[in-house]
Amino acid sequence: MLKELGHKVHSASSGQKALDILREEDGIDHFVTDQLMPGMIGSELAEAVVAGLPNVPIVATGYAKLRKEAGEALPRLRSPS
C-alpha cells in the first residue's frame, strides 16, 4: 500500500537489519515496524530509531502488547484478533 501511494519502501527481516538500513539510507521520513520479529521486538527497535532519528514518526503493527515503557508514545495499527 505504501508503494502504491508513492513512498519508497525498505524491507528488513530483523530489527538489526532495519537499523542497518537506517544508517545507510538518507531521507527516511517515516518508520513502520511489526511488534513481533527476530532479534528484538518492535518497541525496542522504535527506541533505537528514536535515539538516532528523533524526528522520524514511528508506527508499530501487530496484535502483540507493547512493552510498558513504550506507553502510548508509540502509535499502533492493531491486527485483527
PDB file of N, CA and C in Angstrom:
ATOM      1  N   MET A   1       0.812  -1.187   0.000  1.00  0.00           N
ATOM      2  CA  MET A   1       0.000   0.000   0.000  1.00  0.00           C
ATOM      3  C   MET A   1       0.867   1.267   0.000  1.00  0.00           C
ATOM      4  N   LEU A   2       1.925   1.264   0.781  1.00  0.00           N
ATOM      5  CA  LEU A   2       2.789   2.439   0.837  1.00  0.00           C
ATOM      6  C   LEU A   2       3.449   2.715  -0.511  1.00  0.00           C
ATOM      7  N   LYS A   3       3.877   1.656  -1.192  1.00  0.00           N
ATOM      8  CA  LYS A   3       4.462   1.831  -2.523  1.00  0.00           C
ATOM      9  C   LYS A   3       3.432   2.406  -3.486  1.00  0.00           C
ATOM     10  N   GLU A   4       2.206   1.916  -3.400  1.00  0.00           N
ATOM     11  CA  GLU A   4       1.139   2.408  -4.268  1.00  0.00           C
ATOM     12  C   GLU A   4       0.866   3.890  -4.036  1.00  0.00           C
ATOM     13  N   LEU A   5       1.128   4.362  -2.838  1.00  0.00           N
ATOM     14  CA  LEU A   5       0.940   5.773  -2.508  1.00  0.00           C
ATOM     15  C   LEU A   5       2.157   6.623  -2.875  1.00  0.00           C
ATOM     16  N   GLY A   6       3.176   5.981  -3.475  1.00  0.00           N
ATOM     17  CA  GLY A   6       4.329   6.720  -3.955  1.00  0.00           C
ATOM     18  C   GLY A   6       5.520   6.779  -3.015  1.00  0.00           C
ATOM     19  N   HIS A   7       5.478   6.020  -1.922  1.00  0.00           N
ATOM     20  CA  HIS A   7       6.589   6.029  -0.969  1.00  0.00           C
ATOM     21  C   HIS A   7       7.644   5.018  -1.368  1.00  0.00           C
ATOM     22  N   LYS A   8       8.889   5.324  -1.075  1.00  0.00           N
ATOM     23  CA  LYS A   8       9.964   4.354  -1.224  1.00  0.00           C
ATOM     24  C   LYS A   8       9.956   3.482   0.026  1.00  0.00           C
ATOM     25  N   VAL A   9       9.944   2.168  -0.158  1.00  0.00           N
ATOM     26  CA  VAL A   9       9.813   1.239   0.962  1.00  0.00           C
ATOM     27  C   VAL A   9      11.046   0.345   1.039  1.00  0.00           C
ATOM     28  N   HIS A  10      11.594   0.222   2.233  1.00  0.00           N
ATOM     29  CA  HIS A  10      12.700  -0.691   2.508  1.00  0.00           C
ATOM     30  C   HIS A  10      12.160  -1.791   3.406  1.00  0.00           C
ATOM     31  N   SER A  11      12.527  -3.022   3.136  1.00  0.00           N
ATOM     32  CA  SER A  11      12.096  -4.149   3.961  1.00  0.00           C
ATOM     33  C   SER A  11      13.295  -4.729   4.683  1.00  0.00           C
ATOM     34  N   ALA A  12      13.086  -5.137   5.932  1.00  0.00           N
ATOM     35  CA  ALA A  12      14.143  -5.756   6.716  1.00  0.00           C
ATOM     36  C   ALA A  12      13.582  -6.996   7.399  1.00  0.00           C
ATOM     37  N   SER A  13      14.384  -8.044   7.468  1.00  0.00           N
ATOM     38  CA  SER A  13      13.932  -9.294   8.068  1.00  0.00           C
ATOM     39  C   SER A  13      14.193  -9.375   9.570  1.00  0.00           C
ATOM     40  N   SER A  14      14.818  -8.343  10.125  1.00  0.00           N
ATOM     41  CA  SER A  14      15.073  -8.308  11.567  1.00  0.00           C
ATOM     42  C   SER A  14      15.251  -6.861  12.007  1.00  0.00           C
ATOM     43  N   GLY A  15      15.212  -6.662  13.305  1.00  0.00           N
ATOM     44  CA  GLY A  15      15.429  -5.320  13.839  1.00  0.00           C
ATOM     45  C   GLY A  15      16.810  -4.792  13.515  1.00  0.00           C
ATOM     46  N   GLN A  16      17.822  -5.651  13.608  1.00  0.00           N
ATOM     47  CA  GLN A  16      19.185  -5.219  13.312  1.00  0.00           C
ATOM     48  C   GLN A  16      19.325  -4.800  11.853  1.00  0.00           C
ATOM     49  N   LYS A  17      18.710  -5.545  10.943  1.00  0.00           N
ATOM     50  CA  LYS A  17      18.779  -5.174   9.526  1.00  0.00           C
ATOM     51  C   LYS A  17      18.069  -3.844   9.285  1.00  0.00           C
ATOM     52  N   ALA A  18      16.984  -3.587  10.007  1.00  0.00           N
ATOM     53  CA  ALA A  18      16.294  -2.303   9.888  1.00  0.00           C
ATOM     54  C   ALA A  18      17.203  -1.162  10.345  1.00  0.00           C
ATOM     55  N   LEU A  19      17.926  -1.368  11.443  1.00  0.00           N
ATOM     56  CA  LEU A  19      18.852  -0.342  11.920  1.00  0.00           C
ATOM     57  C   LEU A  19      19.987  -0.116  10.924  1.00  0.00           C
ATOM     58  N   ASP A  20      20.449  -1.190  10.282  1.00  0.00           N
ATOM     59  CA  ASP A  20      21.483  -1.052   9.254  1.00  0.00           C
ATOM     60  C   ASP A  20      20.980  -0.187   8.101  1.00  0.00           C
ATOM     61  N   ILE A  21      19.740  -0.425   7.667  1.00  0.00           N
ATOM     62  CA  ILE A  21      19.152   0.372   6.580  1.00  0.00           C
ATOM     63  C   ILE A  21      19.066   1.837   6.989  1.00  0.00           C
ATOM     64  N   LEU A  22      18.653   2.092   8.222  1.00  0.00           N
ATOM     65  CA  LEU A  22      18.551   3.480   8.694  1.00  0.00           C
ATOM     66  C   LEU A  22      19.907   4.186   8.660  1.00  0.00           C
ATOM     67  N   ARG A  23      20.973   3.465   8.964  1.00  0.00           N
ATOM     68  CA  ARG A  23      22.318   4.061   8.935  1.00  0.00           C
ATOM     69  C   ARG A  23      22.797   4.301   7.505  1.00  0.00           C
ATOM     70  N   GLU A  24      22.371   3.451   6.573  1.00  0.00           N
ATOM     71  CA  GLU A  24      22.872   3.517   5.201  1.00  0.00           C
ATOM     72  C   GLU A  24      22.060   4.430   4.282  1.00  0.00           C
ATOM     73  N   GLU A  25      20.789   4.598   4.553  1.00  0.00           N
ATOM     74  CA  GLU A  25      19.898   5.333   3.658  1.00  0.00           C
ATOM     75  C   GLU A  25      19.628   6.745   4.174  1.00  0.00           C
ATOM     76  N   ASP A  26      19.628   7.702   3.277  1.00  0.00           N
ATOM     77  CA  ASP A  26      19.255   9.072   3.628  1.00  0.00           C
ATOM     78  C   ASP A  26      17.788   9.288   3.267  1.00  0.00           C
ATOM     79  N   GLY A  27      17.158  10.214   3.914  1.00  0.00           N
ATOM     80  CA  GLY A  27      15.817  10.633   3.536  1.00  0.00           C
ATOM     81  C   GLY A  27      14.681   9.775   4.058  1.00  0.00           C
ATOM     82  N   ILE A  28      14.947   8.915   5.033  1.00  0.00           N
ATOM     83  CA  ILE A  28      13.842   8.134   5.610  1.00  0.00           C
ATOM     84  C   ILE A  28      13.012   9.083   6.462  1.00  0.00           C
ATOM     85  N   ASP A  29      11.719   9.174   6.120  1.00  0.00           N
ATOM     86  CA  ASP A  29      10.882  10.155   6.815  1.00  0.00           C
ATOM     87  C   ASP A  29       9.751   9.537   7.639  1.00  0.00           C
ATOM     88  N   HIS A  30       9.575   8.234   7.555  1.00  0.00           N
ATOM     89  CA  HIS A  30       8.596   7.508   8.371  1.00  0.00           C
ATOM     90  C   HIS A  30       9.145   6.108   8.632  1.00  0.00           C
ATOM     91  N   PHE A  31       8.706   5.497   9.723  1.00  0.00           N
ATOM     92  CA  PHE A  31       9.194   4.169  10.070  1.00  0.00           C
ATOM     93  C   PHE A  31       8.031   3.327  10.570  1.00  0.00           C
ATOM     94  N   VAL A  32       7.867   2.143   9.983  1.00  0.00           N
ATOM     95  CA  VAL A  32       6.821   1.208  10.395  1.00  0.00           C
ATOM     96  C   VAL A  32       7.501  -0.085  10.801  1.00  0.00           C
ATOM     97  N   THR A  33       7.160  -0.612  11.959  1.00  0.00           N
ATOM     98  CA  THR A  33       7.743  -1.859  12.439  1.00  0.00           C
ATOM     99  C   THR A  33       6.660  -2.789  12.947  1.00  0.00           C
ATOM    100  N   ASP A  34       6.876  -4.075  12.786  1.00  0.00           N
ATOM    101  CA  ASP A  34       5.988  -5.056  13.393  1.00  0.00           C
ATOM    102  C   ASP A  34       6.449  -5.252  14.834  1.00  0.00           C
ATOM    103  N   GLN A  35       5.552  -5.565  15.719  1.00  0.00           N
ATOM    104  CA  GLN A  35       5.927  -5.765  17.110  1.00  0.00           C
ATOM    105  C   GLN A  35       6.685  -7.088  17.292  1.00  0.00           C
ATOM    106  N   LEU A  36       6.295  -8.120  16.554  1.00  0.00           N
ATOM    107  CA  LEU A  36       6.958  -9.421  16.682  1.00  0.00           C
ATOM    108  C   LEU A  36       7.894  -9.640  15.500  1.00  0.00           C
ATOM    109  N   MET A  37       9.182  -9.796  15.793  1.00  0.00           N
ATOM    110  CA  MET A  37      10.170 -10.061  14.743  1.00  0.00           C
ATOM    111  C   MET A  37      11.409 -10.666  15.386  1.00  0.00           C
ATOM    112  N   PRO A  38      12.298 -11.259  14.584  1.00  0.00           N
ATOM    113  CA  PRO A  38      13.506 -11.877  15.136  1.00  0.00           C
ATOM    114  C   PRO A  38      14.461 -10.855  15.751  1.00  0.00           C
ATOM    115  N   GLY A  39      15.045 -11.221  16.871  1.00  0.00           N
ATOM    116  CA  GLY A  39      16.121 -10.421  17.450  1.00  0.00           C
ATOM    117  C   GLY A  39      15.713  -9.350  18.437  1.00  0.00           C
ATOM    118  N   MET A  40      14.622  -8.672  18.170  1.00  0.00           N
ATOM    119  CA  MET A  40      14.120  -7.647  19.089  1.00  0.00           C
ATOM    120  C   MET A  40      12.662  -7.375  18.744  1.00  0.00           C
ATOM    121  N   ILE A  41      11.940  -6.860  19.702  1.00  0.00           N
ATOM    122  CA  ILE A  41      10.542  -6.528  19.428  1.00  0.00           C
ATOM    123  C   ILE A  41      10.446  -5.107  18.878  1.00  0.00           C
ATOM    124  N   GLY A  42       9.325  -4.807  18.269  1.00  0.00           N
ATOM    125  CA  GLY A  42       9.146  -3.523  17.606  1.00  0.00           C
ATOM    126  C   GLY A  42       9.345  -2.323  18.500  1.00  0.00           C
ATOM    127  N   SER A  43       8.894  -2.402  19.747  1.00  0.00           N
ATOM    128  CA  SER A  43       9.066  -1.248  20.632  1.00  0.00           C
ATOM    129  C   SER A  43      10.538  -1.036  20.990  1.00  0.00           C
ATOM    130  N   GLU A  44      11.334  -2.113  21.059  1.00  0.00           N
ATOM    131  CA  GLU A  44      12.778  -1.961  21.274  1.00  0.00           C
ATOM    132  C   GLU A  44      13.422  -1.302  20.052  1.00  0.00           C
ATOM    133  N   LEU A  45      13.004  -1.745  18.875  1.00  0.00           N
ATOM    134  CA  LEU A  45      13.515  -1.137  17.648  1.00  0.00           C
ATOM    135  C   LEU A  45      13.135   0.335  17.595  1.00  0.00           C
ATOM    136  N   ALA A  46      11.913   0.645  17.965  1.00  0.00           N
ATOM    137  CA  ALA A  46      11.460   2.040  17.951  1.00  0.00           C
ATOM    138  C   ALA A  46      12.316   2.904  18.874  1.00  0.00           C
ATOM    139  N   GLU A  47      12.669   2.375  20.040  1.00  0.00           N
ATOM    140  CA  GLU A  47      13.525   3.125  20.962  1.00  0.00           C
ATOM    141  C   GLU A  47      14.881   3.422  20.327  1.00  0.00           C
ATOM    142  N   ALA A  48      15.433   2.452  19.590  1.00  0.00           N
ATOM    143  CA  ALA A  48      16.716   2.659  18.920  1.00  0.00           C
ATOM    144  C   ALA A  48      16.588   3.673  17.791  1.00  0.00           C
ATOM    145  N   VAL A  49      15.483   3.633  17.075  1.00  0.00           N
ATOM    146  CA  VAL A  49      15.265   4.591  15.983  1.00  0.00           C
ATOM    147  C   VAL A  49      15.156   5.998  16.548  1.00  0.00           C
ATOM    148  N   VAL A  50      14.389   6.164  17.601  1.00  0.00           N
ATOM    149  CA  VAL A  50      14.205   7.486  18.215  1.00  0.00           C
ATOM    150  C   VAL A  50      15.543   8.041  18.718  1.00  0.00           C
ATOM    151  N   ALA A  51      16.392   7.169  19.227  1.00  0.00           N
ATOM    152  CA  ALA A  51      17.696   7.629  19.724  1.00  0.00           C
ATOM    153  C   ALA A  51      18.539   8.228  18.599  1.00  0.00           C
ATOM    154  N   GLY A  52      18.430   7.681  17.391  1.00  0.00           N
ATOM    155  CA  GLY A  52      19.227   8.185  16.279  1.00  0.00           C
ATOM    156  C   GLY A  52      18.512   9.174  15.388  1.00  0.00           C
ATOM    157  N   LEU A  53      17.196   9.041  15.273  1.00  0.00           N
ATOM    158  CA  LEU A  53      16.387   9.902  14.401  1.00  0.00           C
ATOM    159  C   LEU A  53      15.148  10.355  15.173  1.00  0.00           C
ATOM    160  N   PRO A  54      15.311  11.278  16.095  1.00  0.00           N
ATOM    161  CA  PRO A  54      14.200  11.643  16.982  1.00  0.00           C
ATOM    162  C   PRO A  54      12.991  12.266  16.289  1.00  0.00           C
ATOM    163  N   ASN A  55      13.137  12.776  15.079  1.00  0.00           N
ATOM    164  CA  ASN A  55      12.016  13.437  14.412  1.00  0.00           C
ATOM    165  C   ASN A  55      11.281  12.547  13.411  1.00  0.00           C
ATOM    166  N   VAL A  56      11.663  11.271  13.324  1.00  0.00           N
ATOM    167  CA  VAL A  56      11.013  10.356  12.380  1.00  0.00           C
ATOM    168  C   VAL A  56       9.810   9.704  13.065  1.00  0.00           C
ATOM    169  N   PRO A  57       8.613   9.896  12.518  1.00  0.00           N
ATOM    170  CA  PRO A  57       7.425   9.257  13.105  1.00  0.00           C
ATOM    171  C   PRO A  57       7.502   7.733  12.965  1.00  0.00           C
ATOM    172  N   ILE A  58       7.063   7.026  14.003  1.00  0.00           N
ATOM    173  CA  ILE A  58       7.134   5.565  14.035  1.00  0.00           C
ATOM    174  C   ILE A  58       5.754   4.999  14.360  1.00  0.00           C
ATOM    175  N   VAL A  59       5.407   3.915  13.668  1.00  0.00           N
ATOM    176  CA  VAL A  59       4.169   3.188  13.929  1.00  0.00           C
ATOM    177  C   VAL A  59       4.521   1.716  14.077  1.00  0.00           C
ATOM    178  N   ALA A  60       3.958   1.060  15.085  1.00  0.00           N
ATOM    179  CA  ALA A  60       4.129  -0.385  15.263  1.00  0.00           C
ATOM    180  C   ALA A  60       2.863  -1.078  14.789  1.00  0.00           C
ATOM    181  N   THR A  61       3.035  -2.241  14.171  1.00  0.00           N
ATOM    182  CA  THR A  61       1.896  -3.030  13.732  1.00  0.00           C
ATOM    183  C   THR A  61       1.860  -4.332  14.510  1.00  0.00           C
ATOM    184  N   GLY A  62       0.721  -4.986  14.481  1.00  0.00           N
ATOM    185  CA  GLY A  62       0.588  -6.292  15.109  1.00  0.00           C
ATOM    186  C   GLY A  62      -0.353  -6.262  16.291  1.00  0.00           C
ATOM    187  N   TYR A  63      -0.618  -7.447  16.797  1.00  0.00           N
ATOM    188  CA  TYR A  63      -1.553  -7.559  17.913  1.00  0.00           C
ATOM    189  C   TYR A  63      -0.863  -7.812  19.238  1.00  0.00           C
ATOM    190  N   ALA A  64       0.455  -7.963  19.234  1.00  0.00           N
ATOM    191  CA  ALA A  64       1.186  -8.189  20.482  1.00  0.00           C
ATOM    192  C   ALA A  64       1.160  -6.932  21.338  1.00  0.00           C
ATOM    193  N   LYS A  65       1.208  -7.127  22.635  1.00  0.00           N
ATOM    194  CA  LYS A  65       1.229  -5.983  23.541  1.00  0.00           C
ATOM    195  C   LYS A  65       2.580  -5.291  23.479  1.00  0.00           C
ATOM    196  N   LEU A  66       2.557  -3.976  23.558  1.00  0.00           N
ATOM    197  CA  LEU A  66       3.790  -3.200  23.594  1.00  0.00           C
ATOM    198  C   LEU A  66       4.383  -3.260  24.989  1.00  0.00           C
ATOM    199  N   ARG A  67       5.694  -3.115  25.055  1.00  0.00           N
ATOM    200  CA  ARG A  67       6.336  -3.038  26.364  1.00  0.00           C
ATOM    201  C   ARG A  67       5.760  -1.853  27.128  1.00  0.00           C
ATOM    202  N   LYS A  68       5.664  -2.013  28.405  1.00  0.00           N
ATOM    203  CA  LYS A  68       5.115  -0.969  29.265  1.00  0.00           C
ATOM    204  C   LYS A  68       5.843   0.363  29.061  1.00  0.00           C
ATOM    205  N   GLU A  69       7.155   0.317  28.868  1.00  0.00           N
ATOM    206  CA  GLU A  69       7.953   1.529  28.704  1.00  0.00           C
ATOM    207  C   GLU A  69       7.579   2.298  27.441  1.00  0.00           C
ATOM    208  N   ALA A  70       7.089   1.584  26.424  1.00  0.00           N
ATOM    209  CA  ALA A  70       6.726   2.240  25.166  1.00  0.00           C
ATOM    210  C   ALA A  70       5.502   3.122  25.351  1.00  0.00           C
ATOM    211  N   GLY A  71       4.653   2.714  26.285  1.00  0.00           N
ATOM    212  CA  GLY A  71       3.469   3.510  26.607  1.00  0.00           C
ATOM    213  C   GLY A  71       2.654   3.870  25.384  1.00  0.00           C
ATOM    214  N   GLU A  72       2.012   4.998  25.433  1.00  0.00           N
ATOM    215  CA  GLU A  72       1.176   5.459  24.331  1.00  0.00           C
ATOM    216  C   GLU A  72       1.962   6.305  23.332  1.00  0.00           C
ATOM    217  N   ALA A  73       3.252   6.485  23.571  1.00  0.00           N
ATOM    218  CA  ALA A  73       4.057   7.292  22.663  1.00  0.00           C
ATOM    219  C   ALA A  73       4.264   6.617  21.314  1.00  0.00           C
ATOM    220  N   LEU A  74       4.052   5.309  21.247  1.00  0.00           N
ATOM    221  CA  LEU A  74       4.253   4.565  20.014  1.00  0.00           C
ATOM    222  C   LEU A  74       2.887   4.175  19.446  1.00  0.00           C
ATOM    223  N   PRO A  75       2.430   4.874  18.406  1.00  0.00           N
ATOM    224  CA  PRO A  75       1.127   4.555  17.808  1.00  0.00           C
ATOM    225  C   PRO A  75       1.132   3.145  17.235  1.00  0.00           C
ATOM    226  N   ARG A  76      -0.025   2.471  17.295  1.00  0.00           N
ATOM    227  CA  ARG A  76      -0.129   1.099  16.804  1.00  0.00           C
ATOM    228  C   ARG A  76      -1.248   0.940  15.817  1.00  0.00           C
ATOM    229  N   LEU A  77      -0.983   0.146  14.784  1.00  0.00           N
ATOM    230  CA  LEU A  77      -2.006  -0.360  13.885  1.00  0.00           C
ATOM    231  C   LEU A  77      -2.235  -1.795  14.320  1.00  0.00           C
ATOM    232  N   ARG A  78      -3.320  -2.056  14.984  1.00  0.00           N
ATOM    233  CA  ARG A  78      -3.550  -3.394  15.524  1.00  0.00           C
ATOM    234  C   ARG A  78      -4.069  -4.338  14.455  1.00  0.00           C
ATOM    235  N   SER A  79      -3.543  -5.554  14.501  1.00  0.00           N
ATOM    236  CA  SER A  79      -4.037  -6.604  13.620  1.00  0.00           C
ATOM    237  C   SER A  79      -5.357  -7.118  14.175  1.00  0.00           C
ATOM    238  N   PRO A  80      -6.234  -7.561  13.293  1.00  0.00           N
ATOM    239  CA  PRO A  80      -7.486  -8.142  13.801  1.00  0.00           C
ATOM    240  C   PRO A  80      -7.190  -9.382  14.621  1.00  0.00           C
ATOM    241  N   SER A  81      -7.930  -9.578  15.693  1.00  0.00           N
ATOM    242  CA  SER A  81      -7.688 -10.760  16.539  1.00  0.00           C
ATOM    243  C   SER A  81      -8.635 -11.877  16.207  1.00  0.00           C
TER     244      SER A  81
END
